[in-house]
C-alpha cells in the first residue's frame, strides 16, 4: 500500500498522511486517529526513500547483536569491540548504532529498518549461530553493504552465495591452544566450563577436547539456570556450585574471561589458591584480565584486527572476502 492509497481510504490528503506518520502538528485529532488506525490495520510504514533522494547517504551503520547478547555492561568482549568500532567509524564519517534483535525476529527488524531507510550499512554479530540466508535477502535486494562476524564454520562455508563478507573468529583454535598449553604445564585433570546455547562455545569445547591426549580426564561444569555463563556472576556461580570438581581438578577453561574472573573470586573466597591449588584460563583478553590478581592467562583475539578488517570490508566496496581471525595465547599469572 502507498501513502496515496492510505490517504484515499482515510479521506484525507497525502500530505496529511505524511504529517501524521511523521508526528507533525497541524492535524486534527479525528484525522490523526483515522490515519493511525488504518495504518495499523494495513501494517503501513512510511518508506524513508519517499522522504529523501535515493542518492542521499545516511552514513549510519547498524550493528546487529543477536539474542545471546546480555548487554554492554556484562558482555565485555563485544562492548570493547563496539566501542572501538564506533570510534573508528566516526573518523570515517559513519555513525554506528547498536540494534538488539531479541525483541523481534531479526529478519523483521532488519527489513523494517531498511524499508524505513534508517541505515545504509550493516554489521551482523552472531557468534552463537549463523543467520539464515533468507534473513539477508533484503540486503542483497537493496545492495546494502554488510559484514557478518561469526564463529568460524567447520568447512568455512556459511551460505550458498559467495558474495558475503565474513569475519570468522576461530574459537575452535582458541580451545585447542588452551588445552595444549595446560597439557604442556603438566595438567591432566581438567574442568571445562560449558555454555550450551552458544555456537562459539561448542567450537571452543570441541577444540579443547580434541587437543588433549587419552591420559587426561575432563569434567564439565555448567552455570545454574537463570544466570548467564559468560558473565562474572556466571563464573562465580559455577565455581561456588561445583567446588568438589574444582578440588579434584588442577586446571579449568572458563567460558570467557569474565567468567574466569568470577571463578577466581569464588575460589579465593572458599580458600583455594589460584594458581597454587587450581589454574584458571579464559578466552578473549578483555581489559579486566589485568585488573584482578592473579592476572588472568587467556587466549586472545586481536580486537584491532577484527575492527580493521570489518571496516575495510564494509567501506571499500571490493569483492566479498572471508577473513579468519586466529587467536593467540597470552600468558600471565593464573596458570602454574
Protein backbone atom coordinates (compact mmCIF):
# COMPACT_ATOMS: atom_id res chain seq x y z
CA UNK A 1 0.00 0.00 0.00
CA UNK A 2 1.22 3.52 -0.85
CA UNK A 3 0.67 6.70 1.13
CA UNK A 4 -1.62 7.87 -1.70
CA UNK A 5 -3.81 4.77 -1.24
CA UNK A 6 -3.86 5.20 2.53
CA UNK A 7 -4.89 8.85 2.09
CA UNK A 8 -7.79 7.80 -0.17
CA UNK A 9 -9.03 5.27 2.41
CA UNK A 10 -8.83 7.83 5.20
CA UNK A 11 -10.45 10.57 3.13
CA UNK A 12 -7.53 12.96 3.65
CA UNK A 13 -4.73 14.39 1.54
CA UNK A 14 -1.42 12.58 1.01
CA UNK A 15 0.37 15.43 2.81
CA UNK A 16 -1.90 14.85 5.84
CA UNK A 17 -0.85 11.18 5.91
CA UNK A 18 2.79 12.27 5.79
CA UNK A 19 2.31 14.74 8.66
CA UNK A 20 0.55 12.13 10.80
CA UNK A 21 3.15 9.41 10.27
CA UNK A 22 5.98 11.86 10.88
CA UNK A 23 4.24 13.03 14.08
CA UNK A 24 3.89 16.61 12.88
CA UNK A 25 1.46 19.24 14.20
CA UNK A 26 -1.47 20.92 12.44
CA UNK A 27 -3.59 17.77 12.05
CA UNK A 28 -6.92 17.37 13.82
CA UNK A 29 -7.29 14.61 16.37
CA UNK A 30 -10.03 12.99 14.30
CA UNK A 31 -7.90 12.78 11.15
CA UNK A 32 -4.84 11.67 13.08
CA UNK A 33 -6.78 8.86 14.76
CA UNK A 34 -8.28 7.74 11.43
CA UNK A 35 -4.93 7.63 9.64
CA UNK A 36 -3.18 5.82 12.50
CA UNK A 37 -5.94 3.24 12.77
CA UNK A 38 -5.82 2.45 9.05
CA UNK A 39 -2.01 2.36 9.11
CA UNK A 40 -2.19 -0.19 11.93
CA UNK A 41 -4.81 -2.32 10.16
CA UNK A 42 -2.85 -2.41 6.89
CA UNK A 43 0.56 -2.63 8.58
CA UNK A 44 1.64 0.50 6.72
CA UNK A 45 5.06 2.09 7.28
CA UNK A 46 6.24 5.27 5.60
CA UNK A 47 9.17 4.49 3.31
CA UNK A 48 12.16 6.69 4.06
CA UNK A 49 13.00 6.70 0.35
CA UNK A 50 9.87 8.77 -0.23
CA UNK A 51 11.27 11.46 2.03
CA UNK A 52 14.71 11.77 0.51
CA UNK A 53 16.64 11.28 -2.68
CA UNK A 54 17.86 7.76 -3.30
CA UNK A 55 21.35 9.10 -3.74
CA UNK A 56 21.40 10.67 -0.29
CA UNK A 57 23.79 8.89 2.07
CA UNK A 58 22.80 8.33 5.67
CA UNK A 59 26.23 7.06 6.71
CA UNK A 60 24.65 5.02 9.50
CA UNK A 61 25.95 1.56 10.38
CA UNK A 62 23.52 -0.76 12.14
CA UNK A 63 25.41 -3.19 14.40
CA UNK A 64 23.05 -6.12 14.97
CA UNK A 65 23.57 -8.06 18.20
CA UNK A 66 21.74 -11.37 18.44
CA UNK A 67 19.61 -12.98 21.14
CA UNK A 68 22.53 -14.21 23.25
CA UNK A 69 23.80 -10.68 23.86
CA UNK A 70 23.35 -9.80 27.55
CA UNK A 71 24.26 -6.11 27.44
CA UNK A 72 27.36 -3.99 27.00
CA UNK A 73 27.82 -3.75 30.76
CA UNK A 74 28.20 -7.54 31.04
CA UNK A 75 29.42 -8.81 27.65
CA UNK A 76 32.73 -7.01 27.94
CA UNK A 77 34.45 -8.50 24.88
CA UNK A 78 31.79 -7.19 22.49
CA UNK A 79 31.49 -3.96 24.46
CA UNK A 80 35.17 -3.31 23.78
CA UNK A 81 34.78 -4.16 20.08
CA UNK A 82 31.69 -1.96 19.67
CA UNK A 83 33.32 0.98 21.44
CA UNK A 84 36.36 0.89 19.17
CA UNK A 85 34.21 0.26 16.09
CA UNK A 86 32.15 3.34 16.94
CA UNK A 87 35.27 5.48 17.30
CA UNK A 88 36.92 4.35 14.06
CA UNK A 89 33.72 4.52 12.03
CA UNK A 90 33.16 8.07 13.27
CA UNK A 91 36.61 9.01 11.98
CA UNK A 92 35.42 7.85 8.55
CA UNK A 93 32.22 9.91 8.78
CA UNK A 94 30.00 6.94 9.74
CA UNK A 95 27.80 6.56 12.81
CA UNK A 96 27.45 3.15 14.49
CA UNK A 97 24.06 2.32 16.02
CA UNK A 98 23.54 -0.86 18.10
CA UNK A 99 20.45 -2.92 17.26
CA UNK A 100 19.19 -5.56 19.67
CA UNK A 101 17.31 -8.19 17.69
CA UNK A 102 15.97 -10.04 20.74
CA UNK A 103 12.59 -8.29 20.96
CA UNK A 104 11.53 -9.32 17.43
CA UNK A 105 12.74 -11.74 14.75
CA UNK A 106 15.96 -10.42 13.24
CA UNK A 107 14.60 -10.55 9.69
CA UNK A 108 11.57 -8.47 10.70
CA UNK A 109 13.74 -5.89 12.46
CA UNK A 110 16.23 -5.72 9.60
CA UNK A 111 13.52 -5.41 6.94
CA UNK A 112 11.78 -2.63 8.86
CA UNK A 113 14.96 -0.58 9.33
CA UNK A 114 15.99 -0.95 5.70
CA UNK A 115 12.50 -0.14 4.37
CA UNK A 116 12.38 2.96 6.53
CA UNK A 117 15.90 3.79 5.36
CA UNK A 118 17.23 4.11 8.88
CA UNK A 119 20.64 2.61 7.97
CA UNK A 120 22.73 2.12 4.84
CA UNK A 121 25.46 -0.21 6.20
CA UNK A 122 25.01 -3.31 8.36
CA UNK A 123 27.27 -5.38 10.65
CA UNK A 124 25.77 -8.67 11.85
CA UNK A 125 27.38 -10.01 15.04
CA UNK A 126 26.38 -13.56 15.94
CA UNK A 127 28.94 -16.00 17.30
CA UNK A 128 26.12 -18.08 18.78
CA UNK A 129 24.72 -19.03 15.34
CA UNK A 130 24.69 -18.16 11.64
CA UNK A 131 21.88 -16.02 10.29
CA UNK A 132 19.87 -17.79 7.60
CA UNK A 133 20.35 -16.70 4.01
CA UNK A 134 16.70 -15.62 3.86
CA UNK A 135 17.48 -13.09 6.64
CA UNK A 136 19.95 -11.40 4.32
CA UNK A 137 17.72 -11.21 1.26
CA UNK A 138 16.76 -7.57 1.69
CA UNK A 139 20.44 -6.61 1.94
CA UNK A 140 21.12 -8.23 -1.43
CA UNK A 141 18.00 -6.68 -2.98
CA UNK A 142 18.78 -3.15 -1.76
CA UNK A 143 22.54 -3.58 -2.33
CA UNK A 144 23.30 -2.64 1.28
CA UNK A 145 26.98 -3.16 2.22
CA UNK A 146 27.21 -5.61 5.12
CA UNK A 147 29.67 -7.76 7.06
CA UNK A 148 28.96 -10.82 9.21
CA UNK A 149 31.09 -11.54 12.30
CA UNK A 150 30.72 -15.24 13.07
CA UNK A 151 32.35 -18.17 14.78
CA UNK A 152 34.46 -19.92 12.15
CA UNK A 153 32.49 -22.65 10.36
CA UNK A 154 33.92 -26.16 10.21
CA UNK A 155 34.27 -26.12 6.41
CA UNK A 156 34.46 -22.32 6.03
CA UNK A 157 31.10 -22.41 4.25
CA UNK A 158 28.29 -20.21 5.51
CA UNK A 159 25.98 -19.56 2.54
CA UNK A 160 25.31 -20.89 -0.93
CA UNK A 161 26.11 -17.41 -2.20
CA UNK A 162 29.76 -16.47 -2.28
CA UNK A 163 29.27 -12.68 -2.20
CA UNK A 164 29.06 -12.36 1.60
CA UNK A 165 31.74 -10.65 3.69
CA UNK A 166 32.65 -12.82 6.68
CA UNK A 167 34.90 -12.11 9.67
CA UNK A 168 35.39 -15.56 11.21
CA UNK A 169 36.68 -15.88 14.79
CA UNK A 170 38.39 -19.24 15.21
CA UNK A 171 37.08 -20.32 18.63
CA UNK A 172 37.97 -23.96 17.96
CA UNK A 173 41.63 -22.97 17.74
CA UNK A 174 41.22 -21.00 20.96
CA UNK A 175 40.07 -24.14 22.78
CA UNK A 176 42.91 -26.12 21.22
CA UNK A 177 45.51 -23.56 22.27
CA UNK A 178 44.22 -23.51 25.86
CA UNK A 179 44.27 -27.32 26.10
CA UNK A 180 47.76 -27.67 24.64
CA UNK A 181 49.15 -25.05 27.00
CA UNK A 182 47.59 -26.67 30.08
CA UNK A 183 48.86 -30.10 29.00
CA UNK A 184 52.37 -28.75 28.48
CA UNK A 185 52.23 -27.34 32.01
CA UNK A 186 51.55 -30.84 33.35
CA UNK A 187 47.78 -30.66 33.91
CA UNK A 188 45.92 -33.94 33.39
CA UNK A 189 42.74 -33.49 35.47
CA UNK A 190 40.85 -30.67 33.80
CA UNK A 191 37.48 -28.93 34.07
CA UNK A 192 35.62 -27.37 31.15
CA UNK A 193 33.06 -24.60 31.68
CA UNK A 194 30.10 -25.12 29.33
CA UNK A 195 27.80 -22.56 27.70
CA UNK A 196 25.41 -24.92 25.94
CA UNK A 197 23.45 -22.30 23.96
CA UNK A 198 26.37 -20.85 22.04
CA UNK A 199 27.93 -21.97 18.75
CA UNK A 200 31.31 -20.48 19.60
CA UNK A 201 31.25 -22.40 22.91
CA UNK A 202 30.70 -25.65 21.01
CA UNK A 203 33.72 -24.86 18.86
CA UNK A 204 35.82 -23.91 21.91
CA UNK A 205 34.91 -27.15 23.69
CA UNK A 206 35.50 -29.26 20.58
CA UNK A 207 38.98 -27.78 20.14
CA UNK A 208 39.75 -28.25 23.84
CA UNK A 209 38.70 -31.91 23.93
CA UNK A 210 40.37 -32.75 20.63
CA UNK A 211 43.76 -31.39 21.70
CA UNK A 212 44.03 -33.48 24.88
CA UNK A 213 45.58 -37.00 24.83
CA UNK A 214 43.89 -40.02 26.34
CA UNK A 215 45.68 -39.73 29.69
CA UNK A 216 43.60 -36.67 30.58
CA UNK A 217 40.21 -36.50 32.31
CA UNK A 218 37.74 -33.69 31.59
CA UNK A 219 34.83 -32.81 33.87
CA UNK A 220 32.16 -30.45 32.52
CA UNK A 221 30.84 -27.55 34.60
CA UNK A 222 27.60 -25.73 33.89
CA UNK A 223 26.27 -22.48 35.36
CA UNK A 224 22.93 -22.81 37.10
CA UNK A 225 19.79 -21.85 35.19
CA UNK A 226 18.89 -18.16 35.18
CA UNK A 227 22.47 -16.85 35.20
CA UNK A 228 24.38 -16.15 32.00
CA UNK A 229 27.54 -18.32 31.96
CA UNK A 230 29.52 -15.65 30.09
CA UNK A 231 29.38 -13.14 32.95
CA UNK A 232 31.31 -12.62 36.20
CA UNK A 233 28.21 -13.83 38.06
CA UNK A 234 28.03 -16.93 35.86
CA UNK A 235 31.63 -17.90 36.57
CA UNK A 236 31.25 -17.20 40.28
CA UNK A 237 28.13 -19.39 40.49
CA UNK A 238 29.76 -22.21 38.50
CA UNK A 239 32.70 -22.33 40.92
CA UNK A 240 30.58 -21.99 44.05
CA UNK A 241 28.18 -24.73 42.90
CA UNK A 242 30.88 -27.22 41.84
CA UNK A 243 33.60 -26.84 44.45
CA UNK A 244 34.01 -30.62 44.59
CA UNK A 245 35.05 -30.67 40.92
CA UNK A 246 37.42 -27.73 41.39
CA UNK A 247 39.08 -29.52 44.31
CA UNK A 248 39.61 -32.63 42.15
CA UNK A 249 40.94 -30.85 39.06
CA UNK A 250 44.16 -28.91 38.59
CA UNK A 251 43.01 -26.53 35.83
CA UNK A 252 39.83 -25.14 34.26
CA UNK A 253 39.00 -23.42 30.95
CA UNK A 254 36.23 -20.88 31.58
CA UNK A 255 33.57 -19.85 29.06
CA UNK A 256 35.31 -16.48 28.72
CA UNK A 257 37.43 -14.02 30.70
CA UNK A 258 34.58 -12.51 32.74
CA UNK A 259 33.51 -15.99 33.84
CA UNK A 260 37.13 -16.89 34.64
CA UNK A 261 37.50 -13.84 36.88
CA UNK A 262 34.23 -14.73 38.61
CA UNK A 263 35.56 -18.24 39.20
CA UNK A 264 38.78 -16.91 40.72
CA UNK A 265 36.78 -14.69 43.09
CA UNK A 266 34.62 -17.59 44.30
CA UNK A 267 37.58 -19.97 44.64
CA UNK A 268 39.58 -17.46 46.65
CA UNK A 269 36.62 -16.86 48.97
CA UNK A 270 36.42 -20.64 49.53
CA UNK A 271 40.09 -20.84 50.49
CA UNK A 272 41.52 -22.21 47.23
CA UNK A 273 44.61 -20.57 45.79
CA UNK A 274 44.90 -19.65 42.12
CA UNK A 275 47.13 -20.93 40.62
CA UNK A 276 48.51 -22.82 43.63
CA UNK A 277 45.55 -25.18 44.04
CA UNK A 278 43.96 -24.78 40.63
CA UNK A 279 44.88 -22.95 37.42
CA UNK A 280 42.31 -20.85 35.53
CA UNK A 281 42.44 -19.78 31.88
CA UNK A 282 39.98 -17.60 29.96
CA UNK A 283 39.12 -16.58 26.41
CA UNK A 284 39.12 -13.12 24.72
CA UNK A 285 41.61 -10.97 26.73
CA UNK A 286 39.29 -8.24 27.99
CA UNK A 287 40.97 -5.30 29.80
CA UNK A 288 39.79 -6.63 33.18
CA UNK A 289 42.25 -9.55 32.83
CA UNK A 290 44.97 -7.22 34.11
CA UNK A 291 42.88 -5.66 36.91
CA UNK A 292 42.46 -8.79 39.05
CA UNK A 293 45.14 -10.70 40.90
CA UNK A 294 46.35 -13.06 39.78
CA UNK A 295 46.39 -11.52 36.31
CA UNK A 296 44.46 -13.83 34.01
CA UNK A 297 46.12 -16.07 31.45
CA UNK A 298 43.87 -16.16 28.39
CA UNK A 299 43.56 -16.91 24.69
CA UNK A 300 43.17 -13.60 22.87
CA UNK A 301 41.56 -12.40 19.67
CA UNK A 302 43.15 -9.24 18.34
CA UNK A 303 40.32 -6.68 18.66
CA UNK A 304 42.08 -4.19 16.40
CA UNK A 305 42.43 -6.83 13.69
CA UNK A 306 38.70 -7.58 13.89
CA UNK A 307 37.83 -3.88 13.62
CA UNK A 308 40.26 -3.11 10.81
CA UNK A 309 39.06 -5.97 8.61
CA UNK A 310 35.39 -5.26 9.36
CA UNK A 311 35.60 -1.60 8.38
CA UNK A 312 37.74 -2.40 5.35
CA UNK A 313 35.22 -4.93 4.01
CA UNK A 314 32.29 -2.64 4.84
CA UNK A 315 33.59 0.51 3.16
CA UNK A 316 35.95 -0.46 0.35
CA UNK A 317 33.30 -1.97 -1.94
CA UNK A 318 35.73 -4.66 -3.04
CA UNK A 319 34.92 -8.26 -3.92
CA UNK A 320 33.47 -10.21 -0.96
CA UNK A 321 36.03 -11.94 1.24
CA UNK A 322 36.27 -14.23 4.23
CA UNK A 323 38.81 -13.22 6.87
CA UNK A 324 39.79 -15.73 9.57
CA UNK A 325 40.87 -14.21 12.90
CA UNK A 326 43.23 -16.62 14.67
CA UNK A 327 43.75 -16.34 18.44
CA UNK A 328 46.99 -16.37 20.40
CA UNK A 329 47.99 -17.32 23.92
CA UNK A 330 48.60 -14.56 26.48
CA UNK A 331 50.46 -15.95 29.49
CA UNK A 332 50.08 -14.12 32.81
CA UNK A 333 49.76 -15.39 36.38
CA UNK A 334 46.68 -17.63 36.73
CA UNK A 335 48.21 -20.88 35.36
CA UNK A 336 51.11 -22.69 37.00
